[in-house]
Amino acid sequence: MDYFVKSGNPQKQRVGCVILGVFERRKLSAPAQQIDTASLGALTQAMRRGDMDGRVGDTLVLHGLAGVLSDRVLLVGLGRERDFDDKAFVRANEAAIGALRKTGAVDAVSYLTHLVARKRDLRWAVLRAAMTAAEHEYRFTQCKSKPDPERSRLTRLTFDVPSRGLLPEAEEALRAARALGAGMTLTRDLSNLPGNRCTPTYLGDTAKQLATDYPSIKTRVLDEAAMEKLGMGALLSVSRGSREPATFSVMEYMRGPKKGKPVVLVGKGLTFDAGGISIKPAAAMDEMKYDMCGGAAVFGAMKAVAELDLPINLVGVVPSSENLPDGMANKPGDIVTSMSGQTIEILNTDAEGRLLLCDALTYVEQHYDPDCVIDMATLTGAVIVALGSHASGLYANQPALARALTSAGEYMGDRVWEMPLWEDYQSALKSPFADMANVGGREAGSVTAACFLHRYARKLRWAHLDIAGSAWKQSPKGATARPVPLLLQFLLQRTENGDS
């Protein structure tokens, strides 16, 4: 779908549909009042008949109104005006797109962007409205021989703004939304692919393709021999159980100051996780193709940044492997040596993601002087028990970094919740035979996993996002592309603040 912004009177829009908001108790928004006046009270009459009260998410389609050039008028409930917040704005836009796709409209103009939620601005309204539309538009059909036919005829959606003077701001917001949409689509596509197609080699090829598509990105993909030479014993111990070779993708986007320190994004790229010798239950094991969503998010963020040509220095790192039971696979009780030289007793082979990430963090420390490092991984089921699917778990060793990520997540509706990283939890990782165990006990599983990673990030300004509950959903099943929105907003905030 094509997205645009404009400024014009709603009654003069010669399109398939005009989208208008109605607050509870049948209170018309300002654009809806204009349509009501032009149509000699048609909206008021419809509401008096009880067809629309304005409850958030309710919709009503009216056809062929006198004095109005559009074929249809779509009324969308906004809820109580005094309660109109981020959530109500997004719900209204979701309802609008859902109803619009059921009509025969080819094009539409939305006036919901006139209705800015509390503490937000026009940029936010256009960005979130376009994000919502793009999410509804996404379909994964790559693995179907005959994709389901697309019922919607909608190909063009325009977001109206109150005045022409606001068009530059709206255009910039839409540009960010388009880039974000491109990045999120890549992340979703990679995440939704099955493990027999999206292998570690496939992720390495994706990194190379980004460099082909965007000259601003420079890519190198390390093979197992190169990783062996670097001493990545933790990562390679995971890949030994698979016939698919591991890859280690490094993407550099250096468009900021020449001596500026880069932001480094590290994403777990476990393309399928059967748990290894500590094998997972069979039920829902198919969802373990999503264990590479952290890596997929890094690819999506890199694409979005390159689309926007942001003036920052950014590095993306994706260590990738499979975790399968095999005669060469890790066994409980094995001890491996990580790239940092620290030894790890593997008590549970299903806690493999941290073995990939610890070597990646050491690589970053040795090869870059980063301003900050953010790793993301579908790391623990424990974070789902703690937070459900609404928020990703956030761990950080710098309060300012935690605040910046939290702020970016709130802005984009891609929320995080900061969890403790206290030294008290480190004792759970003690091993009588190695420098550390790869798991603690049953308590605080997400916390102890983050504490494990922190042992490899003490010299870094570092944050960890546990996205096991937020990276995909079960109904309807599919990837969410989180935390790409948070990451892009975090990077945009840095450029606006001059921190690039």
Protein backbone atom coordinates (compact mmCIF):
# COMPACT_ATOMS: atom_id res chain seq x y z
CA MET A 1 0.00 0.00 0.00
CA ASP A 2 1.09 3.57 -0.68
CA TYR A 3 0.92 6.14 2.13
CA PHE A 4 0.65 9.92 1.80
CA VAL A 5 -0.05 13.03 3.86
CA LYS A 6 -2.10 16.05 2.83
CA SER A 7 -4.25 18.84 4.24
CA GLY A 8 -7.78 19.48 2.96
CA ASN A 9 -11.48 19.70 3.78
CA PRO A 10 -13.05 16.28 4.42
CA GLN A 11 -16.21 17.01 2.38
CA LYS A 12 -14.10 17.79 -0.69
CA GLN A 13 -12.13 14.52 -0.79
CA ARG A 14 -12.96 12.65 -3.99
CA VAL A 15 -11.91 9.21 -2.69
CA GLY A 16 -13.42 5.85 -1.86
CA CYS A 17 -13.72 6.61 1.84
CA VAL A 18 -13.17 9.36 4.40
CA ILE A 19 -12.39 8.21 7.97
CA LEU A 20 -13.70 10.31 10.86
CA GLY A 21 -13.66 10.01 14.64
CA VAL A 22 -16.60 10.12 17.05
CA PHE A 23 -16.21 10.37 20.82
CA GLU A 24 -18.56 8.65 23.25
CA ARG A 25 -22.03 10.11 23.71
CA ARG A 26 -22.10 10.84 19.99
CA LYS A 27 -19.71 13.79 20.15
CA LEU A 28 -18.34 14.49 16.68
CA SER A 29 -14.68 15.37 16.17
CA ALA A 30 -14.04 18.62 14.29
CA PRO A 31 -13.61 16.97 10.85
CA ALA A 32 -16.76 14.91 11.47
CA GLN A 33 -18.65 18.12 12.29
CA GLN A 34 -17.62 19.49 8.89
CA ILE A 35 -19.02 16.42 7.15
CA ASP A 36 -22.18 16.60 9.25
CA THR A 37 -22.75 20.21 8.23
CA ALA A 38 -22.09 19.51 4.55
CA SER A 39 -24.47 16.52 4.59
CA LEU A 40 -27.25 18.43 6.38
CA GLY A 41 -26.91 16.43 9.59
CA ALA A 42 -26.57 12.91 8.15
CA LEU A 43 -24.07 11.85 10.84
CA THR A 44 -26.22 13.21 13.65
CA GLN A 45 -29.27 11.39 12.28
CA ALA A 46 -27.37 8.08 12.05
CA MET A 47 -26.26 8.39 15.65
CA ARG A 48 -29.72 9.34 16.87
CA ARG A 49 -30.99 6.10 15.34
CA GLY A 50 -28.52 4.28 17.62
CA ASP A 51 -26.15 3.13 14.86
CA MET A 52 -23.09 4.69 16.54
CA ASP A 53 -22.43 5.88 20.08
CA GLY A 54 -18.67 6.48 19.89
CA ARG A 55 -17.41 3.58 22.01
CA VAL A 56 -13.75 2.99 21.25
CA GLY A 57 -13.34 0.63 18.32
CA ASP A 58 -16.94 0.81 17.05
CA THR A 59 -17.33 1.54 13.34
CA LEU A 60 -20.13 2.59 11.00
CA VAL A 61 -19.99 2.99 7.21
CA LEU A 62 -22.31 5.51 5.55
CA HIS A 63 -22.75 5.64 1.78
CA GLY A 64 -23.49 8.38 -0.72
CA LEU A 65 -23.96 11.33 1.64
CA ALA A 66 -25.31 14.49 0.00
CA GLY A 67 -22.78 17.34 -0.12
CA VAL A 68 -19.84 14.95 0.32
CA LEU A 69 -17.62 13.91 -2.61
CA SER A 70 -16.31 10.63 -1.14
CA ASP A 71 -18.24 7.40 -1.85
CA ARG A 72 -18.23 6.39 1.81
CA VAL A 73 -17.81 7.91 5.22
CA LEU A 74 -16.38 5.62 7.91
CA LEU A 75 -17.13 6.66 11.48
CA VAL A 76 -14.81 5.28 14.15
CA GLY A 77 -15.48 5.30 17.89
CA LEU A 78 -12.83 7.05 20.01
CA GLY A 79 -14.16 6.43 23.51
CA ARG A 80 -14.47 9.16 26.11
CA GLU A 81 -12.74 12.37 25.04
CA ARG A 82 -11.10 12.92 28.42
CA ASP A 83 -9.65 9.38 28.27
CA PHE A 84 -8.32 9.63 24.71
CA ASP A 85 -4.75 8.33 25.09
CA ASP A 86 -2.16 6.31 23.17
CA LYS A 87 -4.12 3.09 23.53
CA ALA A 88 -7.41 4.62 22.37
CA PHE A 89 -5.71 6.24 19.36
CA VAL A 90 -4.16 2.94 18.27
CA ARG A 91 -7.39 0.98 18.85
CA ALA A 92 -9.33 3.48 16.77
CA ASN A 93 -6.84 3.23 13.91
CA GLU A 94 -6.86 -0.57 14.11
CA ALA A 95 -10.66 -0.59 13.93
CA ALA A 96 -10.61 1.85 11.02
CA ILE A 97 -8.20 -0.23 8.95
CA GLY A 98 -10.10 -3.43 9.73
CA ALA A 99 -13.41 -1.91 8.64
CA LEU A 100 -11.89 -0.17 5.64
CA ARG A 101 -10.42 -3.40 4.29
CA LYS A 102 -13.92 -4.93 4.25
CA THR A 103 -15.23 -2.22 1.93
CA GLY A 104 -14.58 -1.89 -1.79
CA ALA A 105 -12.66 1.36 -1.35
CA VAL A 106 -9.46 1.66 -3.38
CA ASP A 107 -8.27 4.81 -1.63
CA ALA A 108 -9.10 6.60 1.59
CA VAL A 109 -8.26 9.71 3.61
CA SER A 110 -8.03 9.41 7.38
CA TYR A 111 -8.76 12.37 9.65
CA LEU A 112 -7.92 10.43 12.79
CA THR A 113 -4.49 12.06 12.68
CA HIS A 114 -6.19 15.32 13.69
CA LEU A 115 -6.83 13.67 17.06
CA VAL A 116 -3.54 13.70 18.94
CA ALA A 117 -3.47 11.71 22.18
CA ARG A 118 -2.49 13.36 25.45
CA LYS A 119 1.22 14.30 25.71
CA ARG A 120 1.76 13.42 22.04
CA ASP A 121 2.25 15.47 18.88
CA LEU A 122 1.44 15.31 15.18
CA ARG A 123 4.64 13.41 14.39
CA TRP A 124 3.60 10.69 16.81
CA ALA A 125 0.06 10.54 15.41
CA VAL A 126 1.18 10.11 11.78
CA LEU A 127 3.90 7.63 12.72
CA ARG A 128 1.64 5.44 14.84
CA ALA A 129 -1.26 5.60 12.37
CA ALA A 130 0.99 4.50 9.52
CA MET A 131 2.56 1.78 11.69
CA THR A 132 -0.88 0.43 12.53
CA ALA A 133 -1.93 0.35 8.89
CA ALA A 134 1.28 -1.40 7.84
CA GLU A 135 0.86 -4.05 10.54
CA HIS A 136 -2.65 -4.83 9.31
CA GLU A 137 -1.40 -4.98 5.73
CA TYR A 138 1.34 -7.54 6.44
CA ARG A 139 0.78 -11.04 5.09
CA PHE A 140 3.23 -13.95 5.11
CA THR A 141 2.64 -15.99 1.96
CA GLN A 142 6.16 -17.09 0.96
CA CYS A 143 5.57 -20.73 1.77
CA LYS A 144 2.13 -21.15 0.18
CA SER A 145 1.83 -22.53 -3.33
CA LYS A 146 -1.46 -20.68 -3.76
CA PRO A 147 -1.68 -17.71 -1.40
CA ASP A 148 -5.12 -16.80 -0.16
CA PRO A 149 -6.63 -14.13 -2.42
CA GLU A 150 -6.45 -10.60 -1.04
CA ARG A 151 -9.99 -9.41 -0.39
CA SER A 152 -9.17 -5.78 0.18
CA ARG A 153 -8.88 -3.47 -2.82
CA LEU A 154 -7.27 -0.68 -0.79
CA THR A 155 -4.02 0.54 -2.35
CA ARG A 156 -3.69 4.15 -1.19
CA LEU A 157 -4.12 5.61 2.30
CA THR A 158 -3.66 9.32 3.03
CA PHE A 159 -3.33 10.86 6.48
CA ASP A 160 -4.73 14.37 6.72
CA VAL A 161 -3.22 17.08 8.93
CA PRO A 162 -4.98 20.21 10.24
CA SER A 163 -2.99 22.76 8.20
CA ARG A 164 -0.57 22.99 5.31
CA GLY A 165 2.08 24.42 7.61
CA LEU A 166 2.23 21.04 9.36
CA LEU A 167 2.91 19.08 6.17
CA PRO A 168 6.75 19.07 6.48
CA GLU A 169 6.50 17.59 9.98
CA ALA A 170 3.97 15.03 8.78
CA GLU A 171 6.09 14.13 5.74
CA GLU A 172 9.09 13.47 7.99
CA ALA A 173 6.98 11.28 10.26
CA LEU A 174 5.68 9.33 7.28
CA ARG A 175 9.22 8.88 5.98
CA ALA A 176 10.19 7.34 9.33
CA ALA A 177 7.07 5.16 9.24
CA ARG A 178 7.90 3.85 5.75
CA ALA A 179 11.45 2.97 6.84
CA LEU A 180 10.18 1.34 10.00
CA GLY A 181 7.63 -0.62 7.98
CA ALA A 182 10.37 -1.90 5.66
CA GLY A 183 12.50 -2.97 8.61
CA MET A 184 9.61 -4.63 10.42
CA THR A 185 8.58 -6.51 7.28
CA LEU A 186 12.10 -7.93 6.92
CA THR A 187 12.11 -8.93 10.59
CA ARG A 188 8.70 -10.59 10.32
CA ASP A 189 9.58 -12.43 7.12
CA LEU A 190 12.80 -13.83 8.59
CA SER A 191 11.09 -14.80 11.83
CA ASN A 192 8.11 -16.48 10.17
CA LEU A 193 10.22 -18.58 7.81
CA PRO A 194 10.59 -22.22 8.90
CA GLY A 195 13.88 -23.52 10.20
CA ASN A 196 14.58 -25.62 7.11
CA ARG A 197 14.62 -22.43 5.02
CA CYS A 198 15.88 -19.81 7.42
CA THR A 199 19.18 -21.45 8.41
CA PRO A 200 22.31 -19.78 9.81
CA THR A 201 23.64 -19.63 6.24
CA TYR A 202 20.40 -17.91 5.15
CA LEU A 203 20.88 -15.26 7.83
CA GLY A 204 24.46 -14.73 6.67
CA ASP A 205 23.20 -14.32 3.11
CA THR A 206 20.62 -11.81 4.39
CA ALA A 207 23.43 -9.76 5.90
CA LYS A 208 25.26 -9.80 2.57
CA GLN A 209 22.08 -8.84 0.72
CA LEU A 210 21.64 -5.79 2.94
CA ALA A 211 25.11 -4.65 1.90
CA THR A 212 24.13 -5.14 -1.74
CA ASP A 213 20.90 -3.20 -1.32
CA TYR A 214 22.45 -0.40 0.74
CA PRO A 215 26.01 0.75 -0.07
CA SER A 216 26.08 2.43 3.35
CA ILE A 217 26.22 -1.04 4.97
CA LYS A 218 29.44 -3.06 4.96
CA THR A 219 29.06 -6.74 5.81
CA ARG A 220 31.35 -9.59 6.71
CA VAL A 221 30.18 -13.08 7.64
CA LEU A 222 32.51 -15.27 9.66
CA ASP A 223 32.42 -19.03 9.09
CA GLU A 224 33.17 -21.67 11.71
CA ALA A 225 36.87 -21.76 10.86
CA ALA A 226 37.15 -18.01 11.52
CA MET A 227 35.17 -18.39 14.75
CA GLU A 228 37.44 -21.24 15.83
CA LYS A 229 40.47 -19.04 15.22
CA LEU A 230 38.93 -16.31 17.39
CA GLY A 231 38.28 -18.80 20.18
CA MET A 232 34.47 -18.72 20.15
CA GLY A 233 34.22 -21.99 22.03
CA ALA A 234 30.86 -21.25 23.63
CA LEU A 235 29.09 -20.48 20.34
CA LEU A 236 30.69 -23.37 18.47
CA SER A 237 29.76 -25.84 21.20
CA VAL A 238 26.12 -25.18 20.30
CA SER A 239 26.54 -25.60 16.54
CA ARG A 240 28.40 -28.92 16.89
CA GLY A 241 25.07 -30.70 17.33
CA SER A 242 23.76 -29.49 13.97
CA ARG A 243 24.60 -30.33 10.37
CA GLU A 244 24.01 -26.66 9.54
CA PRO A 245 27.19 -24.63 10.05
CA ALA A 246 27.09 -21.60 12.31
CA THR A 247 27.55 -18.08 10.93
CA PHE A 248 28.51 -14.80 12.58
CA SER A 249 27.27 -11.76 10.70
CA VAL A 250 28.73 -8.30 11.27
CA MET A 251 27.13 -5.29 9.56
CA GLU A 252 28.67 -1.83 9.82
CA TYR A 253 26.78 1.36 9.05
CA MET A 254 29.14 4.28 9.66
CA ARG A 255 27.37 7.48 8.60
CA GLY A 256 28.06 9.45 11.78
CA PRO A 257 31.15 11.41 12.86
CA LYS A 258 34.38 9.73 11.79
CA LYS A 259 35.61 9.37 15.36
CA GLY A 260 32.16 8.78 16.80
CA LYS A 261 31.67 5.63 18.83
CA PRO A 262 29.07 3.27 17.36
CA VAL A 263 25.93 1.88 18.88
CA VAL A 264 26.14 -1.90 18.61
CA LEU A 265 23.09 -4.14 18.30
CA VAL A 266 23.56 -7.85 19.01
CA GLY A 267 20.77 -10.32 18.23
CA LYS A 268 20.48 -14.01 19.00
CA GLY A 269 20.08 -15.90 15.72
CA LEU A 270 19.13 -19.40 16.88
CA THR A 271 17.26 -20.53 13.77
CA PHE A 272 15.78 -23.58 15.47
CA ASP A 273 15.98 -24.65 19.08
CA ALA A 274 15.05 -28.22 19.98
CA GLY A 275 16.84 -27.80 23.30
CA GLY A 276 19.75 -30.07 22.42
CA ILE A 277 20.24 -33.06 24.71
CA SER A 278 17.98 -31.28 27.25
CA ILE A 279 15.27 -31.65 24.64
CA LYS A 280 12.12 -29.55 24.77
CA PRO A 281 8.60 -31.00 25.01
CA ALA A 282 7.06 -31.77 21.61
CA ALA A 283 4.05 -29.51 22.13
CA ALA A 284 4.52 -26.16 20.38
CA MET A 285 8.13 -26.96 19.49
CA ASP A 286 7.39 -25.61 16.01
CA GLU A 287 7.45 -22.15 17.60
CA MET A 288 11.15 -22.57 18.27
CA LYS A 289 11.77 -21.30 14.74
CA TYR A 290 11.17 -17.94 16.46
CA ASP A 291 14.30 -18.33 18.57
CA MET A 292 16.10 -16.13 16.06
CA CYS A 293 13.79 -13.14 16.49
CA GLY A 294 16.54 -11.16 18.21
CA GLY A 295 18.78 -11.56 15.19
CA ALA A 296 15.88 -10.79 12.86
CA ALA A 297 15.29 -7.55 14.79
CA VAL A 298 18.90 -6.50 14.23
CA PHE A 299 18.46 -6.99 10.48
CA GLY A 300 15.23 -5.00 10.56
CA ALA A 301 16.78 -2.15 12.51
CA MET A 302 19.77 -1.99 10.14
CA LYS A 303 17.42 -1.83 7.14
CA ALA A 304 15.28 0.92 8.67
CA VAL A 305 18.33 3.03 9.54
CA ALA A 306 19.76 2.60 6.03
CA GLU A 307 16.39 3.54 4.50
CA LEU A 308 16.42 6.77 6.51
CA ASP A 309 20.13 7.39 5.89
CA LEU A 310 20.51 8.40 9.53
CA PRO A 311 23.73 10.24 10.45
CA ILE A 312 24.88 7.72 13.06
CA ASN A 313 27.45 4.99 13.53
CA LEU A 314 25.76 1.62 13.98
CA VAL A 315 26.99 -1.97 14.04
CA GLY A 316 24.76 -5.03 13.89
CA VAL A 317 26.03 -8.44 15.04
CA VAL A 318 24.08 -11.69 14.62
CA PRO A 319 25.59 -14.95 15.91
CA SER A 320 23.59 -17.80 14.40
CA SER A 321 23.31 -21.54 14.92
CA GLU A 322 20.83 -24.37 15.46
CA ASN A 323 20.49 -26.29 18.73
CA LEU A 324 19.73 -29.95 18.08
CA PRO A 325 20.35 -33.31 19.82
CA ASP A 326 23.23 -35.15 18.15
CA GLY A 327 26.22 -37.29 19.07
CA MET A 328 28.40 -34.17 18.87
CA ALA A 329 25.99 -31.94 20.78
CA ASN A 330 26.71 -30.40 24.16
CA LYS A 331 25.98 -32.73 27.08
CA PRO A 332 24.90 -31.62 30.55
CA GLY A 333 28.09 -31.35 32.57
CA ASP A 334 30.31 -30.40 29.62
CA ILE A 335 32.67 -27.48 30.17
CA VAL A 336 33.47 -25.10 27.31
CA THR A 337 35.78 -22.11 27.03
CA SER A 338 34.29 -18.86 25.78
CA MET A 339 36.08 -16.30 23.62
CA SER A 340 36.82 -14.27 26.77
CA GLY A 341 38.74 -17.22 28.24
CA GLN A 342 36.13 -17.83 30.93
CA THR A 343 34.94 -21.41 31.30
CA ILE A 344 31.28 -22.45 31.44
CA GLU A 345 29.75 -25.62 32.85
CA ILE A 346 26.72 -26.50 30.76
CA LEU A 347 24.07 -27.76 33.16
CA ASN A 348 21.22 -27.35 30.68
CA THR A 349 21.82 -27.51 26.94
CA ASP A 350 18.55 -25.65 26.34
CA ALA A 351 20.17 -22.51 27.79
CA GLU A 352 22.17 -22.10 24.60
CA GLY A 353 21.32 -18.56 23.52
CA ARG A 354 23.55 -17.07 26.19
CA LEU A 355 26.42 -19.18 24.84
CA LEU A 356 26.05 -17.46 21.46
CA LEU A 357 25.63 -14.02 22.97
CA CYS A 358 28.54 -14.18 25.39
CA ASP A 359 31.02 -14.75 22.55
CA ALA A 360 29.33 -12.03 20.51
CA LEU A 361 29.68 -9.56 23.40
CA THR A 362 33.36 -10.41 23.75
CA TYR A 363 33.83 -9.93 20.00
CA VAL A 364 32.22 -6.49 20.22
CA GLU A 365 34.39 -5.48 23.17
CA GLN A 366 37.58 -6.58 21.38
CA HIS A 367 36.80 -5.15 17.94
CA TYR A 368 34.94 -1.92 18.71
CA ASP A 369 34.95 0.88 21.21
CA PRO A 370 31.16 1.18 21.38
CA ASP A 371 29.18 3.99 22.89
CA CYS A 372 26.67 1.38 24.02
CA VAL A 373 25.69 -2.21 23.28
CA ILE A 374 22.12 -3.51 23.19
CA ASP A 375 21.58 -7.23 22.86
CA MET A 376 18.18 -8.80 22.28
CA ALA A 377 17.12 -12.41 22.49
CA THR A 378 14.20 -14.74 23.00
CA LEU A 379 16.22 -15.89 25.96
CA THR A 380 13.97 -17.27 28.71
CA GLY A 381 10.49 -18.59 29.31
CA ALA A 382 10.84 -17.08 32.76
CA VAL A 383 10.39 -13.56 31.40
CA ILE A 384 6.99 -14.60 30.03
CA VAL A 385 5.97 -15.79 33.49
CA ALA A 386 7.10 -12.43 34.90
CA LEU A 387 5.80 -10.00 32.28
CA GLY A 388 3.57 -11.86 29.84
CA SER A 389 3.58 -10.60 26.26
CA HIS A 390 2.97 -6.90 26.89
CA ALA A 391 6.49 -5.84 27.82
CA SER A 392 10.00 -7.04 27.04
CA GLY A 393 12.34 -7.52 29.98
CA LEU A 394 15.01 -4.82 30.19
CA TYR A 395 18.31 -5.15 32.00
CA ALA A 396 20.97 -2.44 31.93
CA ASN A 397 24.16 -1.53 33.76
CA GLN A 398 23.70 2.20 33.07
CA PRO A 399 20.58 4.00 34.36
CA ALA A 400 20.65 6.61 31.57
CA LEU A 401 20.63 3.89 28.91
CA ALA A 402 17.72 2.14 30.63
CA ARG A 403 15.77 5.41 30.76
CA ALA A 404 16.41 6.11 27.06
CA LEU A 405 15.23 2.65 26.01
CA THR A 406 12.18 2.85 28.25
CA SER A 407 11.25 6.24 26.82
CA ALA A 408 11.65 4.99 23.23
CA GLY A 409 9.51 1.96 23.99
CA GLU A 410 6.72 4.04 25.54
CA TYR A 411 6.71 6.38 22.53
CA MET A 412 6.34 3.53 20.05
CA GLY A 413 4.06 1.28 22.09
CA ASP A 414 6.91 -1.26 22.19
CA ARG A 415 7.22 -1.25 25.94
CA VAL A 416 9.91 -2.63 28.22
CA TRP A 417 10.06 -3.09 31.98
CA GLU A 418 13.34 -2.76 33.82
CA MET A 419 14.32 -5.80 35.86
CA PRO A 420 17.01 -6.07 38.57
CA LEU A 421 20.62 -6.82 37.70
CA TRP A 422 21.85 -6.98 41.27
CA GLU A 423 25.07 -8.77 42.16
CA ASP A 424 23.05 -10.81 44.69
CA TYR A 425 21.84 -12.99 41.81
CA GLN A 426 25.34 -13.87 40.57
CA SER A 427 25.77 -16.52 43.25
CA ALA A 428 23.17 -18.67 41.46
CA LEU A 429 25.66 -19.18 38.63
CA LYS A 430 28.45 -20.65 40.76
CA SER A 431 29.98 -23.89 39.55
CA PRO A 432 32.37 -26.17 41.48
CA PHE A 433 34.08 -27.16 38.24
CA ALA A 434 34.16 -24.05 36.00
CA ASP A 435 34.15 -20.28 36.25
CA MET A 436 30.37 -20.31 36.02
CA ALA A 437 27.35 -22.47 35.19
CA ASN A 438 25.15 -21.58 32.24
CA VAL A 439 21.97 -21.65 34.38
CA GLY A 440 20.97 -20.92 37.94
CA GLY A 441 18.13 -22.58 39.81
CA ARG A 442 14.42 -22.29 39.08
CA GLU A 443 14.09 -18.89 40.71
CA ALA A 444 14.49 -15.66 38.71
CA GLY A 445 15.45 -17.44 35.48
CA SER A 446 15.36 -14.31 33.31
CA VAL A 447 17.40 -12.37 35.88
CA THR A 448 20.12 -14.99 36.22
CA ALA A 449 20.33 -15.28 32.41
CA ALA A 450 20.94 -11.53 32.22
CA CYS A 451 23.48 -11.79 35.04
CA PHE A 452 25.31 -14.45 33.02
CA LEU A 453 25.53 -12.08 30.04
CA HIS A 454 26.60 -9.20 32.26
CA ARG A 455 29.77 -11.12 33.13
CA TYR A 456 30.77 -10.53 29.50
CA ALA A 457 29.63 -6.90 29.39
CA ARG A 458 31.02 -5.34 32.55
CA LYS A 459 33.35 -3.09 30.54
CA LEU A 460 30.53 -2.02 28.23
CA ARG A 461 27.65 0.43 28.53
CA TRP A 462 25.21 -2.39 28.03
CA ALA A 463 21.53 -3.31 27.95
CA HIS A 464 19.81 -6.64 27.40
CA LEU A 465 16.26 -7.12 26.08
CA ASP A 466 14.60 -10.45 26.84
CA ILE A 467 11.94 -10.58 24.11
CA ALA A 468 10.72 -14.17 24.57
CA GLY A 469 7.22 -12.95 25.38
CA SER A 470 6.96 -10.10 22.89
CA ALA A 471 8.68 -11.24 19.69
CA TRP A 472 5.84 -13.42 18.45
CA LYS A 473 2.22 -14.16 19.27
CA GLN A 474 0.18 -17.32 19.17
CA SER A 475 -3.21 -16.01 18.00
CA PRO A 476 -3.01 -15.35 15.16
CA LYS A 477 0.39 -17.00 15.12
CA GLY A 478 3.18 -14.85 13.77
CA ALA A 479 6.11 -12.58 14.50
CA THR A 480 5.51 -9.07 15.88
CA ALA A 481 8.85 -7.54 14.76
CA ARG A 482 9.43 -6.22 18.26
CA PRO A 483 11.73 -4.58 19.35
CA VAL A 484 12.42 -2.92 15.97
CA PRO A 485 10.12 0.08 16.71
CA LEU A 486 11.86 0.67 20.05
CA LEU A 487 15.32 0.40 18.48
CA LEU A 488 14.58 2.84 15.67
CA GLN A 489 13.05 5.39 18.03
CA PHE A 490 16.05 5.04 20.36
CA LEU A 491 18.39 5.75 17.44
CA LEU A 492 16.24 8.64 16.21
CA GLN A 493 16.31 10.16 19.70
CA ARG A 494 20.10 9.97 19.66
CA THR A 495 20.35 11.82 16.36
CA GLU A 496 17.91 14.48 17.59
CA ASN A 497 19.91 14.90 20.79
CA GLY A 498 23.22 15.07 18.94
CA ASP A 499 24.47 11.79 20.45
CA SER A 500 25.38 10.17 17.12
